[in-house]
Amino acid sequence: SSSGGSTKYADSVKGRFTISRDNAKNTVYR
């Protein structure tokens, strides 16, 4: 989400992939 407070994952990647964001760098990571 835009706030970073909510995330969702497909079942196939849960526990393995992590999404995050750094708004100061205008970048989202996975």
PDB file of all heavy atoms in Angstrom:
ATOM      1  N   SER A   1       0.824  -1.193   0.000  1.00  0.00           N
ATOM      2  CA  SER A   1       0.000   0.000   0.000  1.00  0.00           C
ATOM      3  C   SER A   1       0.869   1.257   0.000  1.00  0.00           C
ATOM      4  O   SER A   1       2.077   1.196   0.255  1.00  0.00           O
ATOM      5  CB  SER A   1      -0.921  -0.002   1.218  1.00  0.00           C
ATOM      6  OG  SER A   1      -0.159   0.055   2.409  1.00  0.00           O
ATOM      7  N   SER A   2       0.251   2.401  -0.252  1.00  0.00           N
ATOM      8  CA  SER A   2       1.008   3.645  -0.312  1.00  0.00           C
ATOM      9  C   SER A   2       1.647   3.978   1.034  1.00  0.00           C
ATOM     10  O   SER A   2       2.748   4.530   1.086  1.00  0.00           O
ATOM     11  CB  SER A   2       0.115   4.795  -0.772  1.00  0.00           C
ATOM     12  OG  SER A   2      -0.998   4.940   0.098  1.00  0.00           O
ATOM     13  N   SER A   3       0.980   3.605   2.114  1.00  0.00           N
ATOM     14  CA  SER A   3       1.533   3.872   3.447  1.00  0.00           C
ATOM     15  C   SER A   3       2.636   2.886   3.807  1.00  0.00           C
ATOM     16  O   SER A   3       3.422   3.126   4.715  1.00  0.00           O
ATOM     17  CB  SER A   3       0.436   3.793   4.503  1.00  0.00           C
ATOM     18  OG  SER A   3       0.003   2.456   4.674  1.00  0.00           O
ATOM     19  N   GLY A   4       2.672   1.748   3.092  1.00  0.00           N
ATOM     20  CA  GLY A   4       3.622   0.694   3.442  1.00  0.00           C
ATOM     21  C   GLY A   4       3.127  -0.200   4.550  1.00  0.00           C
ATOM     22  O   GLY A   4       3.773  -1.192   4.888  1.00  0.00           O
ATOM     23  N   GLY A   5       1.963   0.121   5.112  1.00  0.00           N
ATOM     24  CA  GLY A   5       1.471  -0.633   6.253  1.00  0.00           C
ATOM     25  C   GLY A   5       0.741  -1.910   5.887  1.00  0.00           C
ATOM     26  O   GLY A   5       0.438  -2.725   6.761  1.00  0.00           O
ATOM     27  N   SER A   6       0.445  -2.086   4.614  1.00  0.00           N
ATOM     28  CA  SER A   6      -0.281  -3.280   4.178  1.00  0.00           C
ATOM     29  C   SER A   6       0.414  -3.899   2.984  1.00  0.00           C
ATOM     30  O   SER A   6       0.804  -3.196   2.052  1.00  0.00           O
ATOM     31  CB  SER A   6      -1.719  -2.902   3.811  1.00  0.00           C
ATOM     32  OG  SER A   6      -2.414  -4.019   3.295  1.00  0.00           O
ATOM     33  N   THR A   7       0.569  -5.202   3.038  1.00  0.00           N
ATOM     34  CA  THR A   7       1.174  -5.935   1.931  1.00  0.00           C
ATOM     35  C   THR A   7       0.341  -7.177   1.632  1.00  0.00           C
ATOM     36  O   THR A   7      -0.412  -7.661   2.485  1.00  0.00           O
ATOM     37  CB  THR A   7       2.616  -6.373   2.245  1.00  0.00           C
ATOM     38  OG1 THR A   7       2.610  -7.175   3.435  1.00  0.00           O
ATOM     39  CG2 THR A   7       3.529  -5.176   2.450  1.00  0.00           C
ATOM     40  N   LYS A   8       0.484  -7.680   0.442  1.00  0.00           N
ATOM     41  CA  LYS A   8      -0.168  -8.932   0.052  1.00  0.00           C
ATOM     42  C   LYS A   8       0.815  -9.755  -0.766  1.00  0.00           C
ATOM     43  O   LYS A   8       1.646  -9.192  -1.479  1.00  0.00           O
ATOM     44  CB  LYS A   8      -1.424  -8.662  -0.786  1.00  0.00           C
ATOM     45  CG  LYS A   8      -2.581  -8.061  -0.027  1.00  0.00           C
ATOM     46  CD  LYS A   8      -3.788  -7.882  -0.942  1.00  0.00           C
ATOM     47  CE  LYS A   8      -4.951  -7.249  -0.182  1.00  0.00           C
ATOM     48  NZ  LYS A   8      -6.120  -7.015  -1.067  1.00  0.00           N
ATOM     49  N   TYR A   9       0.680 -11.065  -0.656  1.00  0.00           N
ATOM     50  CA  TYR A   9       1.557 -11.969  -1.396  1.00  0.00           C
ATOM     51  C   TYR A   9       0.749 -13.112  -1.994  1.00  0.00           C
ATOM     52  O   TYR A   9      -0.204 -13.605  -1.378  1.00  0.00           O
ATOM     53  CB  TYR A   9       2.626 -12.561  -0.465  1.00  0.00           C
ATOM     54  CG  TYR A   9       3.568 -11.548   0.116  1.00  0.00           C
ATOM     55  CD1 TYR A   9       3.304 -10.932   1.332  1.00  0.00           C
ATOM     56  CD2 TYR A   9       4.737 -11.179  -0.562  1.00  0.00           C
ATOM     57  CE1 TYR A   9       4.156  -9.981   1.866  1.00  0.00           C
ATOM     58  CE2 TYR A   9       5.603 -10.234  -0.033  1.00  0.00           C
ATOM     59  CZ  TYR A   9       5.300  -9.642   1.172  1.00  0.00           C
ATOM     60  OH  TYR A   9       6.153  -8.698   1.692  1.00  0.00           O
ATOM     61  N   ALA A  10       1.162 -13.532  -3.168  1.00  0.00           N
ATOM     62  CA  ALA A  10       0.599 -14.745  -3.742  1.00  0.00           C
ATOM     63  C   ALA A  10       1.053 -15.940  -2.904  1.00  0.00           C
ATOM     64  O   ALA A  10       2.143 -15.915  -2.313  1.00  0.00           O
ATOM     65  CB  ALA A  10       1.064 -14.912  -5.186  1.00  0.00           C
ATOM     66  N   ASP A  11       0.231 -16.967  -2.837  1.00  0.00           N
ATOM     67  CA  ASP A  11       0.559 -18.130  -2.009  1.00  0.00           C
ATOM     68  C   ASP A  11       1.897 -18.749  -2.418  1.00  0.00           C
ATOM     69  O   ASP A  11       2.628 -19.269  -1.566  1.00  0.00           O
ATOM     70  CB  ASP A  11      -0.552 -19.177  -2.129  1.00  0.00           C
ATOM     71  CG  ASP A  11      -1.828 -18.759  -1.434  1.00  0.00           C
ATOM     72  OD1 ASP A  11      -1.774 -17.846  -0.583  1.00  0.00           O
ATOM     73  OD2 ASP A  11      -2.884 -19.340  -1.744  1.00  0.00           O
ATOM     74  N   SER A  12       2.225 -18.672  -3.681  1.00  0.00           N
ATOM     75  CA  SER A  12       3.443 -19.319  -4.188  1.00  0.00           C
ATOM     76  C   SER A  12       4.722 -18.666  -3.670  1.00  0.00           C
ATOM     77  O   SER A  12       5.799 -19.278  -3.739  1.00  0.00           O
ATOM     78  CB  SER A  12       3.443 -19.290  -5.721  1.00  0.00           C
ATOM     79  OG  SER A  12       3.400 -17.957  -6.190  1.00  0.00           O
ATOM     80  N   VAL A  13       4.627 -17.433  -3.141  1.00  0.00           N
ATOM     81  CA  VAL A  13       5.844 -16.739  -2.711  1.00  0.00           C
ATOM     82  C   VAL A  13       5.821 -16.372  -1.227  1.00  0.00           C
ATOM     83  O   VAL A  13       6.802 -15.818  -0.723  1.00  0.00           O
ATOM     84  CB  VAL A  13       6.094 -15.471  -3.542  1.00  0.00           C
ATOM     85  CG1 VAL A  13       6.148 -15.809  -5.025  1.00  0.00           C
ATOM     86  CG2 VAL A  13       5.056 -14.401  -3.261  1.00  0.00           C
ATOM     87  N   LYS A  14       4.743 -16.664  -0.540  1.00  0.00           N
ATOM     88  CA  LYS A  14       4.654 -16.321   0.886  1.00  0.00           C
ATOM     89  C   LYS A  14       5.792 -16.985   1.656  1.00  0.00           C
ATOM     90  O   LYS A  14       6.081 -18.161   1.471  1.00  0.00           O
ATOM     91  CB  LYS A  14       3.309 -16.770   1.456  1.00  0.00           C
ATOM     92  CG  LYS A  14       2.154 -15.856   1.105  1.00  0.00           C
ATOM     93  CD  LYS A  14       0.851 -16.347   1.722  1.00  0.00           C
ATOM     94  CE  LYS A  14      -0.299 -15.422   1.355  1.00  0.00           C
ATOM     95  NZ  LYS A  14      -1.597 -15.917   1.882  1.00  0.00           N
ATOM     96  N   GLY A  15       6.424 -16.199   2.501  1.00  0.00           N
ATOM     97  CA  GLY A  15       7.526 -16.704   3.292  1.00  0.00           C
ATOM     98  C   GLY A  15       8.869 -16.652   2.592  1.00  0.00           C
ATOM     99  O   GLY A  15       9.911 -16.853   3.220  1.00  0.00           O
ATOM    100  N   ARG A  16       8.856 -16.391   1.280  1.00  0.00           N
ATOM    101  CA  ARG A  16      10.117 -16.335   0.525  1.00  0.00           C
ATOM    102  C   ARG A  16      10.399 -14.935  -0.019  1.00  0.00           C
ATOM    103  O   ARG A  16      11.555 -14.528  -0.121  1.00  0.00           O
ATOM    104  CB  ARG A  16      10.080 -17.324  -0.638  1.00  0.00           C
ATOM    105  CG  ARG A  16       9.919 -18.768  -0.218  1.00  0.00           C
ATOM    106  CD  ARG A  16      10.116 -19.720  -1.395  1.00  0.00           C
ATOM    107  NE  ARG A  16       9.131 -19.497  -2.445  1.00  0.00           N
ATOM    108  CZ  ARG A  16       9.454 -19.197  -3.699  1.00  0.00           C
ATOM    109  NH1 ARG A  16      10.722 -19.070  -4.063  1.00  0.00           N
ATOM    110  NH2 ARG A  16       8.504 -19.039  -4.613  1.00  0.00           N
ATOM    111  N   PHE A  17       9.357 -14.224  -0.402  1.00  0.00           N
ATOM    112  CA  PHE A  17       9.511 -12.891  -0.988  1.00  0.00           C
ATOM    113  C   PHE A  17       9.030 -11.848   0.014  1.00  0.00           C
ATOM    114  O   PHE A  17       8.060 -12.077   0.758  1.00  0.00           O
ATOM    115  CB  PHE A  17       8.683 -12.757  -2.261  1.00  0.00           C
ATOM    116  CG  PHE A  17       9.174 -13.572  -3.430  1.00  0.00           C
ATOM    117  CD1 PHE A  17      10.193 -14.507  -3.301  1.00  0.00           C
ATOM    118  CD2 PHE A  17       8.611 -13.396  -4.682  1.00  0.00           C
ATOM    119  CE1 PHE A  17      10.641 -15.256  -4.387  1.00  0.00           C
ATOM    120  CE2 PHE A  17       9.037 -14.130  -5.776  1.00  0.00           C
ATOM    121  CZ  PHE A  17      10.041 -15.061  -5.623  1.00  0.00           C
ATOM    122  N   THR A  18       9.682 -10.703   0.026  1.00  0.00           N
ATOM    123  CA  THR A  18       9.291  -9.592   0.890  1.00  0.00           C
ATOM    124  C   THR A  18       9.296  -8.313   0.083  1.00  0.00           C
ATOM    125  O   THR A  18      10.293  -7.998  -0.570  1.00  0.00           O
ATOM    126  CB  THR A  18      10.250  -9.447   2.076  1.00  0.00           C
ATOM    127  OG1 THR A  18      10.310 -10.669   2.811  1.00  0.00           O
ATOM    128  CG2 THR A  18       9.780  -8.330   3.000  1.00  0.00           C
ATOM    129  N   ILE A  19       8.198  -7.584   0.140  1.00  0.00           N
ATOM    130  CA  ILE A  19       8.114  -6.303  -0.555  1.00  0.00           C
ATOM    131  C   ILE A  19       8.267  -5.178   0.460  1.00  0.00           C
ATOM    132  O   ILE A  19       7.765  -5.273   1.581  1.00  0.00           O
ATOM    133  CB  ILE A  19       6.777  -6.182  -1.332  1.00  0.00           C
ATOM    134  CG1 ILE A  19       6.784  -4.955  -2.231  1.00  0.00           C
ATOM    135  CG2 ILE A  19       5.588  -6.189  -0.386  1.00  0.00           C
ATOM    136  CD1 ILE A  19       5.569  -4.910  -3.186  1.00  0.00           C
ATOM    137  N   SER A  20       8.968  -4.127   0.072  1.00  0.00           N
ATOM    138  CA  SER A  20       9.165  -2.980   0.968  1.00  0.00           C
ATOM    139  C   SER A  20       9.294  -1.737   0.110  1.00  0.00           C
ATOM    140  O   SER A  20       9.476  -1.813  -1.107  1.00  0.00           O
ATOM    141  CB  SER A  20      10.410  -3.179   1.837  1.00  0.00           C
ATOM    142  OG  SER A  20      11.573  -3.289   1.031  1.00  0.00           O
ATOM    143  N   ARG A  21       9.221  -0.589   0.769  1.00  0.00           N
ATOM    144  CA  ARG A  21       9.344   0.654   0.008  1.00  0.00           C
ATOM    145  C   ARG A  21      10.175   1.658   0.781  1.00  0.00           C
ATOM    146  O   ARG A  21      10.163   1.672   2.020  1.00  0.00           O
ATOM    147  CB  ARG A  21       7.966   1.229  -0.322  1.00  0.00           C
ATOM    148  CG  ARG A  21       7.099   1.610   0.852  1.00  0.00           C
ATOM    149  CD  ARG A  21       5.668   1.900   0.396  1.00  0.00           C
ATOM    150  NE  ARG A  21       5.642   2.977  -0.585  1.00  0.00           N
ATOM    151  CZ  ARG A  21       4.688   3.099  -1.523  1.00  0.00           C
ATOM    152  NH1 ARG A  21       3.702   2.219  -1.590  1.00  0.00           N
ATOM    153  NH2 ARG A  21       4.712   4.107  -2.372  1.00  0.00           N
ATOM    154  N   ASP A  22      10.882   2.474   0.045  1.00  0.00           N
ATOM    155  CA  ASP A  22      11.669   3.577   0.602  1.00  0.00           C
ATOM    156  C   ASP A  22      11.228   4.818  -0.155  1.00  0.00           C
ATOM    157  O   ASP A  22      11.753   5.121  -1.233  1.00  0.00           O
ATOM    158  CB  ASP A  22      13.160   3.306   0.443  1.00  0.00           C
ATOM    159  CG  ASP A  22      14.024   4.343   1.118  1.00  0.00           C
ATOM    160  OD1 ASP A  22      13.503   5.441   1.433  1.00  0.00           O
ATOM    161  OD2 ASP A  22      15.216   4.086   1.325  1.00  0.00           O
ATOM    162  N   ASN A  23      10.272   5.525   0.406  1.00  0.00           N
ATOM    163  CA  ASN A  23       9.737   6.689  -0.300  1.00  0.00           C
ATOM    164  C   ASN A  23      10.773   7.786  -0.463  1.00  0.00           C
ATOM    165  O   ASN A  23      10.710   8.572  -1.413  1.00  0.00           O
ATOM    166  CB  ASN A  23       8.499   7.212   0.425  1.00  0.00           C
ATOM    167  CG  ASN A  23       7.289   6.300   0.240  1.00  0.00           C
ATOM    168  OD1 ASN A  23       7.291   5.405  -0.597  1.00  0.00           O
ATOM    169  ND2 ASN A  23       6.268   6.531   1.047  1.00  0.00           N
ATOM    170  N   ALA A  24      11.723   7.862   0.446  1.00  0.00           N
ATOM    171  CA  ALA A  24      12.779   8.868   0.322  1.00  0.00           C
ATOM    172  C   ALA A  24      13.611   8.640  -0.937  1.00  0.00           C
ATOM    173  O   ALA A  24      14.129   9.591  -1.534  1.00  0.00           O
ATOM    174  CB  ALA A  24      13.670   8.843   1.562  1.00  0.00           C
ATOM    175  N   LYS A  25      13.733   7.368  -1.328  1.00  0.00           N
ATOM    176  CA  LYS A  25      14.468   7.029  -2.543  1.00  0.00           C
ATOM    177  C   LYS A  25      13.543   6.812  -3.734  1.00  0.00           C
ATOM    178  O   LYS A  25      14.001   6.461  -4.816  1.00  0.00           O
ATOM    179  CB  LYS A  25      15.312   5.775  -2.313  1.00  0.00           C
ATOM    180  CG  LYS A  25      16.422   5.967  -1.287  1.00  0.00           C
ATOM    181  CD  LYS A  25      17.274   4.709  -1.168  1.00  0.00           C
ATOM    182  CE  LYS A  25      18.417   4.929  -0.178  1.00  0.00           C
ATOM    183  NZ  LYS A  25      19.264   3.729  -0.032  1.00  0.00           N
ATOM    184  N   ASN A  26      12.240   7.001  -3.492  1.00  0.00           N
ATOM    185  CA  ASN A  26      11.257   6.827  -4.564  1.00  0.00           C
ATOM    186  C   ASN A  26      11.364   5.452  -5.210  1.00  0.00           C
ATOM    187  O   ASN A  26      11.244   5.300  -6.434  1.00  0.00           O
ATOM    188  CB  ASN A  26      11.424   7.912  -5.641  1.00  0.00           C
ATOM    189  CG  ASN A  26      10.091   8.472  -6.104  1.00  0.00           C
ATOM    190  OD1 ASN A  26       9.106   8.471  -5.368  1.00  0.00           O
ATOM    191  ND2 ASN A  26      10.050   8.962  -7.316  1.00  0.00           N
ATOM    192  N   THR A  27      11.560   4.450  -4.367  1.00  0.00           N
ATOM    193  CA  THR A  27      11.832   3.105  -4.861  1.00  0.00           C
ATOM    194  C   THR A  27      11.103   2.068  -4.018  1.00  0.00           C
ATOM    195  O   THR A  27      10.977   2.219  -2.795  1.00  0.00           O
ATOM    196  CB  THR A  27      13.347   2.810  -4.833  1.00  0.00           C
ATOM    197  OG1 THR A  27      14.028   3.774  -5.634  1.00  0.00           O
ATOM    198  CG2 THR A  27      13.651   1.423  -5.377  1.00  0.00           C
ATOM    199  N   VAL A  28      10.638   1.026  -4.698  1.00  0.00           N
ATOM    200  CA  VAL A  28      10.059  -0.129  -4.024  1.00  0.00           C
ATOM    201  C   VAL A  28      10.958  -1.327  -4.316  1.00  0.00           C
ATOM    202  O   VAL A  28      11.473  -1.465  -5.430  1.00  0.00           O
ATOM    203  CB  VAL A  28       8.624  -0.392  -4.518  1.00  0.00           C
ATOM    204  CG1 VAL A  28       8.099  -1.727  -3.998  1.00  0.00           C
ATOM    205  CG2 VAL A  28       7.704   0.741  -4.074  1.00  0.00           C
ATOM    206  N   TYR A  29      11.126  -2.159  -3.321  1.00  0.00           N
ATOM    207  CA  TYR A  29      12.009  -3.305  -3.453  1.00  0.00           C
ATOM    208  C   TYR A  29      11.228  -4.610  -3.289  1.00  0.00           C
ATOM    209  O   TYR A  29      10.178  -4.647  -2.637  1.00  0.00           O
ATOM    210  CB  TYR A  29      13.105  -3.264  -2.381  1.00  0.00           C
ATOM    211  CG  TYR A  29      13.932  -2.007  -2.411  1.00  0.00           C
ATOM    212  CD1 TYR A  29      13.661  -0.960  -1.538  1.00  0.00           C
ATOM    213  CD2 TYR A  29      14.987  -1.866  -3.313  1.00  0.00           C
ATOM    214  CE1 TYR A  29      14.413   0.201  -1.558  1.00  0.00           C
ATOM    215  CE2 TYR A  29      15.752  -0.710  -3.337  1.00  0.00           C
ATOM    216  CZ  TYR A  29      15.453   0.313  -2.461  1.00  0.00           C
ATOM    217  OH  TYR A  29      16.208   1.466  -2.493  1.00  0.00           O
ATOM    218  N   ARG A  30      11.784  -5.653  -3.853  1.00  0.00           N
ATOM    219  CA  ARG A  30      11.275  -6.975  -3.560  1.00  0.00           C
ATOM    220  C   ARG A  30      12.441  -7.925  -3.353  1.00  0.00           C
ATOM    221  O   ARG A  30      13.202  -8.202  -4.272  1.00  0.00           O
ATOM    222  CB  ARG A  30      10.354  -7.513  -4.651  1.00  0.00           C
ATOM    223  CG  ARG A  30       9.577  -8.726  -4.129  1.00  0.00           C
ATOM    224  CD  ARG A  30       8.643  -9.242  -5.137  1.00  0.00           C
ATOM    225  NE  ARG A  30       9.385  -9.915  -6.190  1.00  0.00           N
ATOM    226  CZ  ARG A  30       8.870 -10.181  -7.371  1.00  0.00           C
ATOM    227  NH1 ARG A  30       7.661  -9.811  -7.649  1.00  0.00           N
ATOM    228  NH2 ARG A  30       9.571 -10.797  -8.262  1.00  0.00           N
TER     229      ARG A  30
END
